[in-house]
Amino acid sequence: MPRTPSRRAASIKVADDSPDLPCVIWDMSDKGAKLAAVRPLLLPERFTLVFSDTVHRRCQVMWRGEKFVGVQFIDG
């Protein structure tokens, strides 16, 4: 499925008791996204991508680089 360029601010929630980490959605499809994040090599295998106060998606890391991480959406 083709990804659409986005360049949209979002955040990564690793745990309920930790602060959200800022990121930028670089491109996105219905199934996943490419995120620009600080220290993507240190992100856990699963986390929640927060688009807004009401929109969240659970993610599974599919690949990592020094500046980007590719995720698959694992919720409905």
PDB file of N, CA and C in Angstrom:
ATOM      1  N   MET A   1       0.854  -1.180   0.000  1.00  0.00           N
ATOM      2  CA  MET A   1       0.000   0.000   0.000  1.00  0.00           C
ATOM      3  C   MET A   1       0.897   1.239   0.000  1.00  0.00           C
ATOM      4  N   PRO A   2       0.647   2.191  -0.895  1.00  0.00           N
ATOM      5  CA  PRO A   2       1.501   3.379  -0.956  1.00  0.00           C
ATOM      6  C   PRO A   2       1.326   4.266   0.272  1.00  0.00           C
ATOM      7  N   ARG A   3       2.425   4.878   0.648  1.00  0.00           N
ATOM      8  CA  ARG A   3       2.380   5.810   1.782  1.00  0.00           C
ATOM      9  C   ARG A   3       2.262   7.231   1.262  1.00  0.00           C
ATOM     10  N   THR A   4       1.564   8.046   2.008  1.00  0.00           N
ATOM     11  CA  THR A   4       1.346   9.436   1.650  1.00  0.00           C
ATOM     12  C   THR A   4       2.244  10.315   2.507  1.00  0.00           C
ATOM     13  N   PRO A   5       3.016  11.229   1.885  1.00  0.00           N
ATOM     14  CA  PRO A   5       3.825  12.141   2.690  1.00  0.00           C
ATOM     15  C   PRO A   5       2.944  12.916   3.665  1.00  0.00           C
ATOM     16  N   SER A   6       3.451  13.139   4.875  1.00  0.00           N
ATOM     17  CA  SER A   6       2.614  13.739   5.900  1.00  0.00           C
ATOM     18  C   SER A   6       3.260  14.946   6.565  1.00  0.00           C
ATOM     19  N   ARG A   7       4.435  14.767   7.139  1.00  0.00           N
ATOM     20  CA  ARG A   7       5.148  15.802   7.904  1.00  0.00           C
ATOM     21  C   ARG A   7       4.241  16.408   8.971  1.00  0.00           C
ATOM     22  N   ARG A   8       3.704  15.517   9.801  1.00  0.00           N
ATOM     23  CA  ARG A   8       2.742  15.907  10.842  1.00  0.00           C
ATOM     24  C   ARG A   8       3.332  15.643  12.225  1.00  0.00           C
ATOM     25  N   ALA A   9       3.221  16.606  13.108  1.00  0.00           N
ATOM     26  CA  ALA A   9       3.719  16.440  14.481  1.00  0.00           C
ATOM     27  C   ALA A   9       2.850  15.444  15.233  1.00  0.00           C
ATOM     28  N   ALA A  10       3.508  14.594  16.019  1.00  0.00           N
ATOM     29  CA  ALA A  10       2.821  13.609  16.846  1.00  0.00           C
ATOM     30  C   ALA A  10       3.717  13.337  18.053  1.00  0.00           C
ATOM     31  N   SER A  11       3.364  12.339  18.832  1.00  0.00           N
ATOM     32  CA  SER A  11       4.231  11.959  19.950  1.00  0.00           C
ATOM     33  C   SER A  11       4.138  10.460  20.180  1.00  0.00           C
ATOM     34  N   ILE A  12       5.136   9.944  20.875  1.00  0.00           N
ATOM     35  CA  ILE A  12       5.247   8.527  21.171  1.00  0.00           C
ATOM     36  C   ILE A  12       5.060   8.339  22.662  1.00  0.00           C
ATOM     37  N   LYS A  13       4.112   7.487  23.032  1.00  0.00           N
ATOM     38  CA  LYS A  13       3.896   7.145  24.444  1.00  0.00           C
ATOM     39  C   LYS A  13       4.445   5.747  24.661  1.00  0.00           C
ATOM     40  N   VAL A  14       5.495   5.683  25.495  1.00  0.00           N
ATOM     41  CA  VAL A  14       6.143   4.409  25.778  1.00  0.00           C
ATOM     42  C   VAL A  14       5.453   3.709  26.945  1.00  0.00           C
ATOM     43  N   ALA A  15       5.119   4.479  27.994  1.00  0.00           N
ATOM     44  CA  ALA A  15       4.449   3.943  29.180  1.00  0.00           C
ATOM     45  C   ALA A  15       3.566   5.025  29.774  1.00  0.00           C
ATOM     46  N   ASP A  16       2.560   4.615  30.534  1.00  0.00           N
ATOM     47  CA  ASP A  16       1.631   5.582  31.117  1.00  0.00           C
ATOM     48  C   ASP A  16       2.316   6.569  32.053  1.00  0.00           C
ATOM     49  N   ASP A  17       3.377   6.129  32.722  1.00  0.00           N
ATOM     50  CA  ASP A  17       4.030   6.981  33.703  1.00  0.00           C
ATOM     51  C   ASP A  17       5.255   7.726  33.155  1.00  0.00           C
ATOM     52  N   SER A  18       5.468   7.686  31.838  1.00  0.00           N
ATOM     53  CA  SER A  18       6.605   8.399  31.259  1.00  0.00           C
ATOM     54  C   SER A  18       6.113   9.517  30.345  1.00  0.00           C
ATOM     55  N   PRO A  19       6.919  10.561  30.190  1.00  0.00           N
ATOM     56  CA  PRO A  19       6.490  11.661  29.303  1.00  0.00           C
ATOM     57  C   PRO A  19       6.468  11.207  27.845  1.00  0.00           C
ATOM     58  N   ASP A  20       5.587  11.812  27.064  1.00  0.00           N
ATOM     59  CA  ASP A  20       5.533  11.514  25.633  1.00  0.00           C
ATOM     60  C   ASP A  20       6.795  12.044  24.953  1.00  0.00           C
ATOM     61  N   LEU A  21       7.241  11.335  23.916  1.00  0.00           N
ATOM     62  CA  LEU A  21       8.410  11.737  23.148  1.00  0.00           C
ATOM     63  C   LEU A  21       7.939  12.359  21.836  1.00  0.00           C
ATOM     64  N   PRO A  22       8.424  13.550  21.491  1.00  0.00           N
ATOM     65  CA  PRO A  22       7.989  14.170  20.245  1.00  0.00           C
ATOM     66  C   PRO A  22       8.510  13.406  19.032  1.00  0.00           C
ATOM     67  N   CYS A  23       7.720  13.400  17.961  1.00  0.00           N
ATOM     68  CA  CYS A  23       8.151  12.797  16.702  1.00  0.00           C
ATOM     69  C   CYS A  23       7.425  13.505  15.560  1.00  0.00           C
ATOM     70  N   VAL A  24       7.832  13.187  14.339  1.00  0.00           N
ATOM     71  CA  VAL A  24       7.160  13.702  13.149  1.00  0.00           C
ATOM     72  C   VAL A  24       6.793  12.504  12.288  1.00  0.00           C
ATOM     73  N   ILE A  25       5.522  12.440  11.894  1.00  0.00           N
ATOM     74  CA  ILE A  25       5.091  11.401  10.962  1.00  0.00           C
ATOM     75  C   ILE A  25       5.572  11.839   9.589  1.00  0.00           C
ATOM     76  N   TRP A  26       6.516  11.089   9.034  1.00  0.00           N
ATOM     77  CA  TRP A  26       7.143  11.464   7.768  1.00  0.00           C
ATOM     78  C   TRP A  26       6.271  11.066   6.591  1.00  0.00           C
ATOM     79  N   ASP A  27       5.746   9.849   6.656  1.00  0.00           N
ATOM     80  CA  ASP A  27       4.732   9.412   5.701  1.00  0.00           C
ATOM     81  C   ASP A  27       3.900   8.321   6.360  1.00  0.00           C
ATOM     82  N   MET A  28       2.724   8.052   5.783  1.00  0.00           N
ATOM     83  CA  MET A  28       1.800   7.151   6.455  1.00  0.00           C
ATOM     84  C   MET A  28       0.880   6.472   5.442  1.00  0.00           C
ATOM     85  N   SER A  29       0.456   5.249   5.787  1.00  0.00           N
ATOM     86  CA  SER A  29      -0.584   4.530   5.046  1.00  0.00           C
ATOM     87  C   SER A  29      -1.586   4.019   6.071  1.00  0.00           C
ATOM     88  N   ASP A  30      -2.569   3.266   5.616  1.00  0.00           N
ATOM     89  CA  ASP A  30      -3.538   2.675   6.537  1.00  0.00           C
ATOM     90  C   ASP A  30      -2.892   1.639   7.453  1.00  0.00           C
ATOM     91  N   LYS A  31      -1.783   1.060   7.015  1.00  0.00           N
ATOM     92  CA  LYS A  31      -1.148  -0.047   7.740  1.00  0.00           C
ATOM     93  C   LYS A  31       0.041   0.355   8.602  1.00  0.00           C
ATOM     94  N   GLY A  32       0.641   1.543   8.360  1.00  0.00           N
ATOM     95  CA  GLY A  32       1.824   1.916   9.130  1.00  0.00           C
ATOM     96  C   GLY A  32       2.337   3.295   8.781  1.00  0.00           C
ATOM     97  N   ALA A  33       3.536   3.597   9.315  1.00  0.00           N
ATOM     98  CA  ALA A  33       4.093   4.930   9.131  1.00  0.00           C
ATOM     99  C   ALA A  33       5.617   4.908   9.259  1.00  0.00           C
ATOM    100  N   LYS A  34       6.224   5.948   8.709  1.00  0.00           N
ATOM    101  CA  LYS A  34       7.644   6.211   8.898  1.00  0.00           C
ATOM    102  C   LYS A  34       7.725   7.438   9.795  1.00  0.00           C
ATOM    103  N   LEU A  35       8.423   7.298  10.921  1.00  0.00           N
ATOM    104  CA  LEU A  35       8.496   8.364  11.905  1.00  0.00           C
ATOM    105  C   LEU A  35       9.916   8.884  12.025  1.00  0.00           C
ATOM    106  N   ALA A  36      10.058  10.188  12.127  1.00  0.00           N
ATOM    107  CA  ALA A  36      11.329  10.811  12.493  1.00  0.00           C
ATOM    108  C   ALA A  36      11.269  11.011  14.001  1.00  0.00           C
ATOM    109  N   ALA A  37      12.232  10.416  14.716  1.00  0.00           N
ATOM    110  CA  ALA A  37      12.221  10.483  16.175  1.00  0.00           C
ATOM    111  C   ALA A  37      13.646  10.621  16.702  1.00  0.00           C
ATOM    112  N   VAL A  38      13.754  11.195  17.879  1.00  0.00           N
ATOM    113  CA  VAL A  38      15.038  11.274  18.549  1.00  0.00           C
ATOM    114  C   VAL A  38      15.385   9.879  19.065  1.00  0.00           C
ATOM    115  N   ARG A  39      16.570   9.408  18.767  1.00  0.00           N
ATOM    116  CA  ARG A  39      17.061   8.099  19.217  1.00  0.00           C
ATOM    117  C   ARG A  39      16.116   6.945  18.902  1.00  0.00           C
ATOM    118  N   PRO A  40      15.760   6.759  17.642  1.00  0.00           N
ATOM    119  CA  PRO A  40      14.841   5.664  17.293  1.00  0.00           C
ATOM    120  C   PRO A  40      15.402   4.282  17.624  1.00  0.00           C
ATOM    121  N   LEU A  41      16.718   4.162  17.713  1.00  0.00           N
ATOM    122  CA  LEU A  41      17.317   2.870  18.041  1.00  0.00           C
ATOM    123  C   LEU A  41      17.020   2.453  19.481  1.00  0.00           C
ATOM    124  N   LEU A  42      16.616   3.417  20.326  1.00  0.00           N
ATOM    125  CA  LEU A  42      16.326   3.128  21.730  1.00  0.00           C
ATOM    126  C   LEU A  42      14.843   2.935  22.021  1.00  0.00           C
ATOM    127  N   LEU A  43      13.986   3.120  21.027  1.00  0.00           N
ATOM    128  CA  LEU A  43      12.551   2.944  21.254  1.00  0.00           C
ATOM    129  C   LEU A  43      12.239   1.468  21.487  1.00  0.00           C
ATOM    130  N   PRO A  44      11.223   1.179  22.311  1.00  0.00           N
ATOM    131  CA  PRO A  44      10.819  -0.227  22.510  1.00  0.00           C
ATOM    132  C   PRO A  44      10.181  -0.783  21.242  1.00  0.00           C
ATOM    133  N   GLU A  45      10.016  -2.095  21.200  1.00  0.00           N
ATOM    134  CA  GLU A  45       9.429  -2.766  20.037  1.00  0.00           C
ATOM    135  C   GLU A  45       7.973  -2.354  19.802  1.00  0.00           C
ATOM    136  N   ARG A  46       7.249  -2.019  20.882  1.00  0.00           N
ATOM    137  CA  ARG A  46       5.846  -1.602  20.771  1.00  0.00           C
ATOM    138  C   ARG A  46       5.634  -0.329  21.572  1.00  0.00           C
ATOM    139  N   PHE A  47       4.832   0.551  21.026  1.00  0.00           N
ATOM    140  CA  PHE A  47       4.486   1.792  21.703  1.00  0.00           C
ATOM    141  C   PHE A  47       3.204   2.342  21.093  1.00  0.00           C
ATOM    142  N   THR A  48       2.708   3.420  21.676  1.00  0.00           N
ATOM    143  CA  THR A  48       1.504   4.071  21.161  1.00  0.00           C
ATOM    144  C   THR A  48       1.883   5.372  20.475  1.00  0.00           C
ATOM    145  N   LEU A  49       1.424   5.549  19.251  1.00  0.00           N
ATOM    146  CA  LEU A  49       1.615   6.793  18.513  1.00  0.00           C
ATOM    147  C   LEU A  49       0.408   7.671  18.797  1.00  0.00           C
ATOM    148  N   VAL A  50       0.662   8.874  19.299  1.00  0.00           N
ATOM    149  CA  VAL A  50      -0.396   9.792  19.709  1.00  0.00           C
ATOM    150  C   VAL A  50      -0.508  10.906  18.673  1.00  0.00           C
ATOM    151  N   PHE A  51      -1.639  10.934  17.973  1.00  0.00           N
ATOM    152  CA  PHE A  51      -1.896  11.967  16.975  1.00  0.00           C
ATOM    153  C   PHE A  51      -2.524  13.205  17.612  1.00  0.00           C
ATOM    154  N   SER A  52      -3.411  12.977  18.580  1.00  0.00           N
ATOM    155  CA  SER A  52      -4.114  14.052  19.274  1.00  0.00           C
ATOM    156  C   SER A  52      -4.613  13.489  20.606  1.00  0.00           C
ATOM    157  N   ASP A  53      -5.338  14.293  21.357  1.00  0.00           N
ATOM    158  CA  ASP A  53      -5.866  13.820  22.641  1.00  0.00           C
ATOM    159  C   ASP A  53      -6.788  12.613  22.488  1.00  0.00           C
ATOM    160  N   THR A  54      -7.417  12.482  21.336  1.00  0.00           N
ATOM    161  CA  THR A  54      -8.401  11.417  21.162  1.00  0.00           C
ATOM    162  C   THR A  54      -7.991  10.348  20.146  1.00  0.00           C
ATOM    163  N   VAL A  55      -6.927  10.564  19.393  1.00  0.00           N
ATOM    164  CA  VAL A  55      -6.526   9.607  18.359  1.00  0.00           C
ATOM    165  C   VAL A  55      -5.166   9.011  18.701  1.00  0.00           C
ATOM    166  N   HIS A  56      -5.153   7.684  18.910  1.00  0.00           N
ATOM    167  CA  HIS A  56      -3.939   6.942  19.243  1.00  0.00           C
ATOM    168  C   HIS A  56      -3.899   5.673  18.404  1.00  0.00           C
ATOM    169  N   ARG A  57      -2.701   5.192  18.074  1.00  0.00           N
ATOM    170  CA  ARG A  57      -2.540   3.914  17.369  1.00  0.00           C
ATOM    171  C   ARG A  57      -1.416   3.123  18.023  1.00  0.00           C
ATOM    172  N   ARG A  58      -1.671   1.852  18.311  1.00  0.00           N
ATOM    173  CA  ARG A  58      -0.616   0.958  18.810  1.00  0.00           C
ATOM    174  C   ARG A  58       0.267   0.585  17.627  1.00  0.00           C
ATOM    175  N   CYS A  59       1.582   0.549  17.869  1.00  0.00           N
ATOM    176  CA  CYS A  59       2.546   0.316  16.806  1.00  0.00           C
ATOM    177  C   CYS A  59       3.523  -0.790  17.161  1.00  0.00           C
ATOM    178  N   GLN A  60       3.969  -1.500  16.145  1.00  0.00           N
ATOM    179  CA  GLN A  60       5.033  -2.496  16.234  1.00  0.00           C
ATOM    180  C   GLN A  60       6.160  -2.016  15.327  1.00  0.00           C
ATOM    181  N   VAL A  61       7.377  -1.917  15.861  1.00  0.00           N
ATOM    182  CA  VAL A  61       8.522  -1.480  15.058  1.00  0.00           C
ATOM    183  C   VAL A  61       8.847  -2.573  14.037  1.00  0.00           C
ATOM    184  N   MET A  62       8.983  -2.166  12.768  1.00  0.00           N
ATOM    185  CA  MET A  62       9.325  -3.091  11.692  1.00  0.00           C
ATOM    186  C   MET A  62      10.776  -2.914  11.250  1.00  0.00           C
ATOM    187  N   TRP A  63      11.300  -1.693  11.334  1.00  0.00           N
ATOM    188  CA  TRP A  63      12.681  -1.412  10.997  1.00  0.00           C
ATOM    189  C   TRP A  63      13.117  -0.144  11.720  1.00  0.00           C
ATOM    190  N   ARG A  64      14.435   0.028  11.862  1.00  0.00           N
ATOM    191  CA  ARG A  64      14.996   1.201  12.544  1.00  0.00           C
ATOM    192  C   ARG A  64      16.216   1.709  11.791  1.00  0.00           C
ATOM    193  N   GLY A  65      16.426   3.007  11.883  1.00  0.00           N
ATOM    194  CA  GLY A  65      17.635   3.643  11.367  1.00  0.00           C
ATOM    195  C   GLY A  65      18.095   4.669  12.387  1.00  0.00           C
ATOM    196  N   GLU A  66      19.095   5.447  12.026  1.00  0.00           N
ATOM    197  CA  GLU A  66      19.613   6.439  12.971  1.00  0.00           C
ATOM    198  C   GLU A  66      18.673   7.625  13.170  1.00  0.00           C
ATOM    199  N   LYS A  67      17.829   7.922  12.176  1.00  0.00           N
ATOM    200  CA  LYS A  67      16.916   9.063  12.284  1.00  0.00           C
ATOM    201  C   LYS A  67      15.441   8.681  12.183  1.00  0.00           C
ATOM    202  N   PHE A  68      15.166   7.518  11.605  1.00  0.00           N
ATOM    203  CA  PHE A  68      13.784   7.132  11.338  1.00  0.00           C
ATOM    204  C   PHE A  68      13.485   5.751  11.905  1.00  0.00           C
ATOM    205  N   VAL A  69      12.191   5.503  12.104  1.00  0.00           N
ATOM    206  CA  VAL A  69      11.701   4.179  12.494  1.00  0.00           C
ATOM    207  C   VAL A  69      10.438   3.910  11.672  1.00  0.00           C
ATOM    208  N   GLY A  70      10.329   2.677  11.183  1.00  0.00           N
ATOM    209  CA  GLY A  70       9.145   2.265  10.439  1.00  0.00           C
ATOM    210  C   GLY A  70       8.269   1.420  11.336  1.00  0.00           C
ATOM    211  N   VAL A  71       6.979   1.737  11.400  1.00  0.00           N
ATOM    212  CA  VAL A  71       6.078   1.007  12.273  1.00  0.00           C
ATOM    213  C   VAL A  71       4.884   0.460  11.503  1.00  0.00           C
ATOM    214  N   GLN A  72       4.367  -0.642  12.017  1.00  0.00           N
ATOM    215  CA  GLN A  72       3.112  -1.208  11.529  1.00  0.00           C
ATOM    216  C   GLN A  72       2.068  -0.950  12.600  1.00  0.00           C
ATOM    217  N   PHE A  73       0.879  -0.521  12.196  1.00  0.00           N
ATOM    218  CA  PHE A  73      -0.208  -0.343  13.153  1.00  0.00           C
ATOM    219  C   PHE A  73      -0.751  -1.715  13.530  1.00  0.00           C
ATOM    220  N   ILE A  74      -0.897  -1.964  14.832  1.00  0.00           N
ATOM    221  CA  ILE A  74      -1.332  -3.292  15.282  1.00  0.00           C
ATOM    222  C   ILE A  74      -2.696  -3.274  15.953  1.00  0.00           C
ATOM    223  N   ASP A  75      -3.343  -2.123  15.968  1.00  0.00           N
ATOM    224  CA  ASP A  75      -4.717  -2.064  16.472  1.00  0.00           C
ATOM    225  C   ASP A  75      -5.653  -1.946  15.281  1.00  0.00           C
ATOM    226  N   GLY A  76      -6.960  -2.025  15.534  1.00  0.00           N
ATOM    227  CA  GLY A  76      -7.949  -1.968  14.467  1.00  0.00           C
ATOM    228  C   GLY A  76      -7.844  -0.767  13.666  1.00  0.00           C
TER     229      GLY A  76
END
